[in-house]
Amino acid sequence: MSRRSERHHTVPRLHLRGFAGPYAGEDPRQSGQDSLMLVQYDVNTGSRTDVSIADATVVRNFYTVVLPDGTRSDA
């Protein structure tokens, strides 16, 4: 049995890459695909946060369905 995913992207990463830019900070660990960043804007607080495409638009268990026997599936 494969492990069930819990981190589901509501927007595919392929689409997010088109809006992402290079990481502008000085963190040397940021390289390759991880260096593509988006600016996430919170409309309630007005705050802006740099977020990687791996973490953008992730909602826990967004596509999970609870089956009649109580188990969960994302397949």
PDB file of N, CA and C in Angstrom:
ATOM      1  N   MET A   1       0.845  -1.191   0.000  1.00  0.00           N
ATOM      2  CA  MET A   1       0.000   0.000   0.000  1.00  0.00           C
ATOM      3  C   MET A   1       0.881   1.242   0.000  1.00  0.00           C
ATOM      4  N   SER A   2       0.610   2.172  -0.901  1.00  0.00           N
ATOM      5  CA  SER A   2       1.419   3.385  -0.971  1.00  0.00           C
ATOM      6  C   SER A   2       0.964   4.392   0.079  1.00  0.00           C
ATOM      7  N   ARG A   3       1.875   5.256   0.427  1.00  0.00           N
ATOM      8  CA  ARG A   3       1.581   6.274   1.433  1.00  0.00           C
ATOM      9  C   ARG A   3       0.693   7.348   0.810  1.00  0.00           C
ATOM     10  N   ARG A   4      -0.313   7.745   1.522  1.00  0.00           N
ATOM     11  CA  ARG A   4      -1.255   8.753   1.048  1.00  0.00           C
ATOM     12  C   ARG A   4      -0.657  10.143   1.185  1.00  0.00           C
ATOM     13  N   SER A   5      -0.783  10.938   0.136  1.00  0.00           N
ATOM     14  CA  SER A   5      -0.279  12.306   0.144  1.00  0.00           C
ATOM     15  C   SER A   5      -1.216  13.191   0.969  1.00  0.00           C
ATOM     16  N   GLU A   6      -0.653  14.139   1.699  1.00  0.00           N
ATOM     17  CA  GLU A   6      -1.470  15.073   2.466  1.00  0.00           C
ATOM     18  C   GLU A   6      -1.313  16.507   1.981  1.00  0.00           C
ATOM     19  N   ARG A   7      -0.215  16.794   1.264  1.00  0.00           N
ATOM     20  CA  ARG A   7       0.042  18.146   0.757  1.00  0.00           C
ATOM     21  C   ARG A   7      -0.413  18.214  -0.699  1.00  0.00           C
ATOM     22  N   HIS A   8      -1.545  18.851  -0.928  1.00  0.00           N
ATOM     23  CA  HIS A   8      -2.122  18.919  -2.262  1.00  0.00           C
ATOM     24  C   HIS A   8      -2.048  20.340  -2.794  1.00  0.00           C
ATOM     25  N   HIS A   9      -1.534  20.480  -4.022  1.00  0.00           N
ATOM     26  CA  HIS A   9      -1.471  21.784  -4.679  1.00  0.00           C
ATOM     27  C   HIS A   9      -2.820  22.089  -5.318  1.00  0.00           C
ATOM     28  N   THR A  10      -3.360  23.273  -5.039  1.00  0.00           N
ATOM     29  CA  THR A  10      -4.606  23.676  -5.678  1.00  0.00           C
ATOM     30  C   THR A  10      -4.339  24.277  -7.052  1.00  0.00           C
ATOM     31  N   VAL A  11      -3.112  24.724  -7.298  1.00  0.00           N
ATOM     32  CA  VAL A  11      -2.666  25.188  -8.610  1.00  0.00           C
ATOM     33  C   VAL A  11      -1.435  24.354  -8.957  1.00  0.00           C
ATOM     34  N   PRO A  12      -1.387  23.714 -10.130  1.00  0.00           N
ATOM     35  CA  PRO A  12      -0.234  22.886 -10.478  1.00  0.00           C
ATOM     36  C   PRO A  12       1.077  23.679 -10.473  1.00  0.00           C
ATOM     37  N   ARG A  13       2.140  23.034 -10.002  1.00  0.00           N
ATOM     38  CA  ARG A  13       3.449  23.682  -9.947  1.00  0.00           C
ATOM     39  C   ARG A  13       3.912  24.140 -11.320  1.00  0.00           C
ATOM     40  N   LEU A  14       3.533  23.413 -12.358  1.00  0.00           N
ATOM     41  CA  LEU A  14       3.888  23.800 -13.727  1.00  0.00           C
ATOM     42  C   LEU A  14       3.385  25.212 -14.029  1.00  0.00           C
ATOM     43  N   HIS A  15       2.176  25.520 -13.622  1.00  0.00           N
ATOM     44  CA  HIS A  15       1.619  26.857 -13.852  1.00  0.00           C
ATOM     45  C   HIS A  15       2.298  27.901 -12.963  1.00  0.00           C
ATOM     46  N   LEU A  16       2.598  27.526 -11.727  1.00  0.00           N
ATOM     47  CA  LEU A  16       3.240  28.467 -10.808  1.00  0.00           C
ATOM     48  C   LEU A  16       4.617  28.888 -11.298  1.00  0.00           C
ATOM     49  N   ARG A  17       5.342  27.972 -11.966  1.00  0.00           N
ATOM     50  CA  ARG A  17       6.682  28.291 -12.477  1.00  0.00           C
ATOM     51  C   ARG A  17       6.653  29.481 -13.432  1.00  0.00           C
ATOM     52  N   GLY A  18       5.559  29.649 -14.159  1.00  0.00           N
ATOM     53  CA  GLY A  18       5.438  30.763 -15.089  1.00  0.00           C
ATOM     54  C   GLY A  18       5.364  32.117 -14.403  1.00  0.00           C
ATOM     55  N   PHE A  19       4.991  32.134 -13.135  1.00  0.00           N
ATOM     56  CA  PHE A  19       4.874  33.377 -12.380  1.00  0.00           C
ATOM     57  C   PHE A  19       6.027  33.576 -11.395  1.00  0.00           C
ATOM     58  N   ALA A  20       6.873  32.579 -11.259  1.00  0.00           N
ATOM     59  CA  ALA A  20       7.943  32.620 -10.254  1.00  0.00           C
ATOM     60  C   ALA A  20       9.184  33.322 -10.795  1.00  0.00           C
ATOM     61  N   GLY A  21       9.929  33.891  -9.864  1.00  0.00           N
ATOM     62  CA  GLY A  21      11.187  34.543 -10.211  1.00  0.00           C
ATOM     63  C   GLY A  21      12.293  33.999  -9.336  1.00  0.00           C
ATOM     64  N   PRO A  22      13.529  34.381  -9.628  1.00  0.00           N
ATOM     65  CA  PRO A  22      14.651  33.892  -8.829  1.00  0.00           C
ATOM     66  C   PRO A  22      14.596  34.441  -7.402  1.00  0.00           C
ATOM     67  N   TYR A  23      15.070  33.632  -6.477  1.00  0.00           N
ATOM     68  CA  TYR A  23      15.119  34.042  -5.072  1.00  0.00           C
ATOM     69  C   TYR A  23      16.101  35.195  -4.935  1.00  0.00           C
ATOM     70  N   ALA A  24      15.690  36.275  -4.315  1.00  0.00           N
ATOM     71  CA  ALA A  24      16.524  37.479  -4.225  1.00  0.00           C
ATOM     72  C   ALA A  24      17.308  37.555  -2.924  1.00  0.00           C
ATOM     73  N   GLY A  25      17.100  36.618  -2.012  1.00  0.00           N
ATOM     74  CA  GLY A  25      17.795  36.649  -0.730  1.00  0.00           C
ATOM     75  C   GLY A  25      19.224  36.148  -0.832  1.00  0.00           C
ATOM     76  N   GLU A  26      19.860  36.008   0.309  1.00  0.00           N
ATOM     77  CA  GLU A  26      21.249  35.583   0.335  1.00  0.00           C
ATOM     78  C   GLU A  26      21.437  34.197   0.911  1.00  0.00           C
ATOM     79  N   ASP A  27      20.385  33.392   0.941  1.00  0.00           N
ATOM     80  CA  ASP A  27      20.469  32.038   1.483  1.00  0.00           C
ATOM     81  C   ASP A  27      21.169  31.137   0.476  1.00  0.00           C
ATOM     82  N   PRO A  28      22.388  30.661   0.760  1.00  0.00           N
ATOM     83  CA  PRO A  28      23.132  29.849  -0.207  1.00  0.00           C
ATOM     84  C   PRO A  28      22.503  28.492  -0.481  1.00  0.00           C
ATOM     85  N   ARG A  29      21.561  28.051   0.352  1.00  0.00           N
ATOM     86  CA  ARG A  29      20.909  26.759   0.132  1.00  0.00           C
ATOM     87  C   ARG A  29      19.924  26.824  -1.012  1.00  0.00           C
ATOM     88  N   GLN A  30      19.525  28.021  -1.401  1.00  0.00           N
ATOM     89  CA  GLN A  30      18.557  28.180  -2.476  1.00  0.00           C
ATOM     90  C   GLN A  30      19.264  27.998  -3.812  1.00  0.00           C
ATOM     91  N   SER A  31      18.980  26.907  -4.486  1.00  0.00           N
ATOM     92  CA  SER A  31      19.592  26.662  -5.791  1.00  0.00           C
ATOM     93  C   SER A  31      18.654  25.836  -6.650  1.00  0.00           C
ATOM     94  N   GLY A  32      18.842  25.906  -7.943  1.00  0.00           N
ATOM     95  CA  GLY A  32      18.046  25.103  -8.860  1.00  0.00           C
ATOM     96  C   GLY A  32      16.576  25.429  -8.782  1.00  0.00           C
ATOM     97  N   GLN A  33      15.733  24.404  -8.821  1.00  0.00           N
ATOM     98  CA  GLN A  33      14.284  24.587  -8.828  1.00  0.00           C
ATOM     99  C   GLN A  33      13.796  25.262  -7.556  1.00  0.00           C
ATOM    100  N   ASP A  34      14.466  24.999  -6.420  1.00  0.00           N
ATOM    101  CA  ASP A  34      14.044  25.600  -5.156  1.00  0.00           C
ATOM    102  C   ASP A  34      14.233  27.101  -5.127  1.00  0.00           C
ATOM    103  N   SER A  35      15.023  27.654  -6.073  1.00  0.00           N
ATOM    104  CA  SER A  35      15.280  29.084  -6.063  1.00  0.00           C
ATOM    105  C   SER A  35      14.146  29.873  -6.714  1.00  0.00           C
ATOM    106  N   LEU A  36      13.183  29.211  -7.318  1.00  0.00           N
ATOM    107  CA  LEU A  36      12.049  29.918  -7.902  1.00  0.00           C
ATOM    108  C   LEU A  36      11.050  30.255  -6.804  1.00  0.00           C
ATOM    109  N   MET A  37      10.773  31.547  -6.683  1.00  0.00           N
ATOM    110  CA  MET A  37       9.928  32.015  -5.588  1.00  0.00           C
ATOM    111  C   MET A  37       8.764  32.845  -6.116  1.00  0.00           C
ATOM    112  N   LEU A  38       7.711  32.860  -5.342  1.00  0.00           N
ATOM    113  CA  LEU A  38       6.542  33.696  -5.585  1.00  0.00           C
ATOM    114  C   LEU A  38       6.387  34.637  -4.403  1.00  0.00           C
ATOM    115  N   VAL A  39       5.694  35.724  -4.598  1.00  0.00           N
ATOM    116  CA  VAL A  39       5.346  36.602  -3.485  1.00  0.00           C
ATOM    117  C   VAL A  39       3.898  36.304  -3.136  1.00  0.00           C
ATOM    118  N   GLN A  40       3.684  35.892  -1.898  1.00  0.00           N
ATOM    119  CA  GLN A  40       2.332  35.575  -1.431  1.00  0.00           C
ATOM    120  C   GLN A  40       1.812  36.791  -0.672  1.00  0.00           C
ATOM    121  N   TYR A  41       0.672  37.276  -1.068  1.00  0.00           N
ATOM    122  CA  TYR A  41       0.074  38.469  -0.469  1.00  0.00           C
ATOM    123  C   TYR A  41      -1.146  38.070   0.347  1.00  0.00           C
ATOM    124  N   ASP A  42      -1.160  38.458   1.614  1.00  0.00           N
ATOM    125  CA  ASP A  42      -2.300  38.191   2.488  1.00  0.00           C
ATOM    126  C   ASP A  42      -3.238  39.395   2.422  1.00  0.00           C
ATOM    127  N   VAL A  43      -4.424  39.204   1.852  1.00  0.00           N
ATOM    128  CA  VAL A  43      -5.357  40.315   1.676  1.00  0.00           C
ATOM    129  C   VAL A  43      -5.918  40.822   3.005  1.00  0.00           C
ATOM    130  N   ASN A  44      -5.920  39.992   4.034  1.00  0.00           N
ATOM    131  CA  ASN A  44      -6.444  40.416   5.331  1.00  0.00           C
ATOM    132  C   ASN A  44      -5.483  41.313   6.079  1.00  0.00           C
ATOM    133  N   THR A  45      -4.186  40.975   6.030  1.00  0.00           N
ATOM    134  CA  THR A  45      -3.202  41.733   6.807  1.00  0.00           C
ATOM    135  C   THR A  45      -2.358  42.673   5.964  1.00  0.00           C
ATOM    136  N   GLY A  46      -2.338  42.456   4.641  1.00  0.00           N
ATOM    137  CA  GLY A  46      -1.509  43.278   3.764  1.00  0.00           C
ATOM    138  C   GLY A  46      -0.053  42.865   3.754  1.00  0.00           C
ATOM    139  N   SER A  47       0.274  41.759   4.403  1.00  0.00           N
ATOM    140  CA  SER A  47       1.670  41.320   4.461  1.00  0.00           C
ATOM    141  C   SER A  47       2.044  40.534   3.218  1.00  0.00           C
ATOM    142  N   ARG A  48       3.318  40.621   2.853  1.00  0.00           N
ATOM    143  CA  ARG A  48       3.859  39.886   1.706  1.00  0.00           C
ATOM    144  C   ARG A  48       4.936  38.935   2.206  1.00  0.00           C
ATOM    145  N   THR A  49       4.945  37.719   1.647  1.00  0.00           N
ATOM    146  CA  THR A  49       5.894  36.687   2.058  1.00  0.00           C
ATOM    147  C   THR A  49       6.441  35.992   0.818  1.00  0.00           C
ATOM    148  N   ASP A  50       7.763  35.784   0.771  1.00  0.00           N
ATOM    149  CA  ASP A  50       8.357  34.978  -0.290  1.00  0.00           C
ATOM    150  C   ASP A  50       8.045  33.522  -0.017  1.00  0.00           C
ATOM    151  N   VAL A  51       7.585  32.822  -1.038  1.00  0.00           N
ATOM    152  CA  VAL A  51       7.203  31.420  -0.878  1.00  0.00           C
ATOM    153  C   VAL A  51       7.714  30.644  -2.095  1.00  0.00           C
ATOM    154  N   SER A  52       8.234  29.437  -1.871  1.00  0.00           N
ATOM    155  CA  SER A  52       8.722  28.624  -2.981  1.00  0.00           C
ATOM    156  C   SER A  52       7.530  28.012  -3.708  1.00  0.00           C
ATOM    157  N   ILE A  53       7.753  27.602  -4.960  1.00  0.00           N
ATOM    158  CA  ILE A  53       6.645  26.988  -5.693  1.00  0.00           C
ATOM    159  C   ILE A  53       6.250  25.653  -5.075  1.00  0.00           C
ATOM    160  N   ALA A  54       7.167  25.028  -4.332  1.00  0.00           N
ATOM    161  CA  ALA A  54       6.844  23.762  -3.660  1.00  0.00           C
ATOM    162  C   ALA A  54       5.859  23.977  -2.512  1.00  0.00           C
ATOM    163  N   ASP A  55       5.845  25.189  -1.942  1.00  0.00           N
ATOM    164  CA  ASP A  55       4.969  25.463  -0.803  1.00  0.00           C
ATOM    165  C   ASP A  55       3.770  26.349  -1.143  1.00  0.00           C
ATOM    166  N   ALA A  56       3.766  26.913  -2.338  1.00  0.00           N
ATOM    167  CA  ALA A  56       2.667  27.804  -2.723  1.00  0.00           C
ATOM    168  C   ALA A  56       1.415  26.998  -3.052  1.00  0.00           C
ATOM    169  N   THR A  57       0.297  27.533  -2.740  1.00  0.00           N
ATOM    170  CA  THR A  57      -1.041  26.976  -2.999  1.00  0.00           C
ATOM    171  C   THR A  57      -1.208  25.549  -2.479  1.00  0.00           C
ATOM    172  N   VAL A  58      -0.523  25.211  -1.396  1.00  0.00           N
ATOM    173  CA  VAL A  58      -0.666  23.880  -0.792  1.00  0.00           C
ATOM    174  C   VAL A  58      -1.744  23.939   0.284  1.00  0.00           C
ATOM    175  N   VAL A  59      -2.681  22.997   0.191  1.00  0.00           N
ATOM    176  CA  VAL A  59      -3.728  22.853   1.197  1.00  0.00           C
ATOM    177  C   VAL A  59      -3.700  21.403   1.658  1.00  0.00           C
ATOM    178  N   ARG A  60      -3.654  21.224   2.961  1.00  0.00           N
ATOM    179  CA  ARG A  60      -3.591  19.866   3.507  1.00  0.00           C
ATOM    180  C   ARG A  60      -4.898  19.133   3.244  1.00  0.00           C
ATOM    181  N   ASN A  61      -4.770  17.939   2.648  1.00  0.00           N
ATOM    182  CA  ASN A  61      -5.901  17.040   2.370  1.00  0.00           C
ATOM    183  C   ASN A  61      -6.994  17.665   1.498  1.00  0.00           C
ATOM    184  N   PHE A  62      -6.623  18.573   0.592  1.00  0.00           N
ATOM    185  CA  PHE A  62      -7.601  19.245  -0.266  1.00  0.00           C
ATOM    186  C   PHE A  62      -8.374  18.261  -1.143  1.00  0.00           C
ATOM    187  N   TYR A  63      -7.683  17.272  -1.700  1.00  0.00           N
ATOM    188  CA  TYR A  63      -8.323  16.307  -2.601  1.00  0.00           C
ATOM    189  C   TYR A  63      -8.681  14.989  -1.907  1.00  0.00           C
ATOM    190  N   THR A  64      -8.569  14.925  -0.598  1.00  0.00           N
ATOM    191  CA  THR A  64      -8.845  13.696   0.136  1.00  0.00           C
ATOM    192  C   THR A  64     -10.352  13.467   0.244  1.00  0.00           C
ATOM    193  N   VAL A  65     -10.739  12.220   0.027  1.00  0.00           N
ATOM    194  CA  VAL A  65     -12.141  11.819   0.136  1.00  0.00           C
ATOM    195  C   VAL A  65     -12.239  10.797   1.264  1.00  0.00           C
ATOM    196  N   VAL A  66     -13.216  10.971   2.142  1.00  0.00           N
ATOM    197  CA  VAL A  66     -13.459   9.984   3.195  1.00  0.00           C
ATOM    198  C   VAL A  66     -14.424   8.946   2.625  1.00  0.00           C
ATOM    199  N   LEU A  67     -13.982   7.707   2.591  1.00  0.00           N
ATOM    200  CA  LEU A  67     -14.778   6.612   2.035  1.00  0.00           C
ATOM    201  C   LEU A  67     -15.818   6.125   3.034  1.00  0.00           C
ATOM    202  N   PRO A  68     -16.819   5.379   2.587  1.00  0.00           N
ATOM    203  CA  PRO A  68     -17.883   4.916   3.482  1.00  0.00           C
ATOM    204  C   PRO A  68     -17.368   4.125   4.694  1.00  0.00           C
ATOM    205  N   ASP A  69     -16.216   3.418   4.542  1.00  0.00           N
ATOM    206  CA  ASP A  69     -15.697   2.654   5.675  1.00  0.00           C
ATOM    207  C   ASP A  69     -14.846   3.512   6.609  1.00  0.00           C
ATOM    208  N   GLY A  70     -14.777   4.828   6.350  1.00  0.00           N
ATOM    209  CA  GLY A  70     -14.035   5.737   7.219  1.00  0.00           C
ATOM    210  C   GLY A  70     -12.590   5.969   6.827  1.00  0.00           C
ATOM    211  N   THR A  71     -12.064   5.206   5.886  1.00  0.00           N
ATOM    212  CA  THR A  71     -10.689   5.415   5.436  1.00  0.00           C
ATOM    213  C   THR A  71     -10.644   6.606   4.490  1.00  0.00           C
ATOM    214  N   ARG A  72      -9.438   7.144   4.325  1.00  0.00           N
ATOM    215  CA  ARG A  72      -9.260   8.299   3.454  1.00  0.00           C
ATOM    216  C   ARG A  72      -8.501   7.898   2.203  1.00  0.00           C
ATOM    217  N   SER A  73      -8.840   8.524   1.105  1.00  0.00           N
ATOM    218  CA  SER A  73      -8.180   8.238  -0.167  1.00  0.00           C
ATOM    219  C   SER A  73      -7.957   9.540  -0.915  1.00  0.00           C
ATOM    220  N   ASP A  74      -6.819   9.649  -1.574  1.00  0.00           N
ATOM    221  CA  ASP A  74      -6.571  10.782  -2.467  1.00  0.00           C
ATOM    222  C   ASP A  74      -6.316  10.291  -3.880  1.00  0.00           C
ATOM    223  N   ALA A  75      -6.640   9.036  -4.120  1.00  0.00           N
ATOM    224  CA  ALA A  75      -6.408   8.434  -5.445  1.00  0.00           C
ATOM    225  C   ALA A  75      -7.601   8.624  -6.344  1.00  0.00           C
TER     226      ALA A  75
END
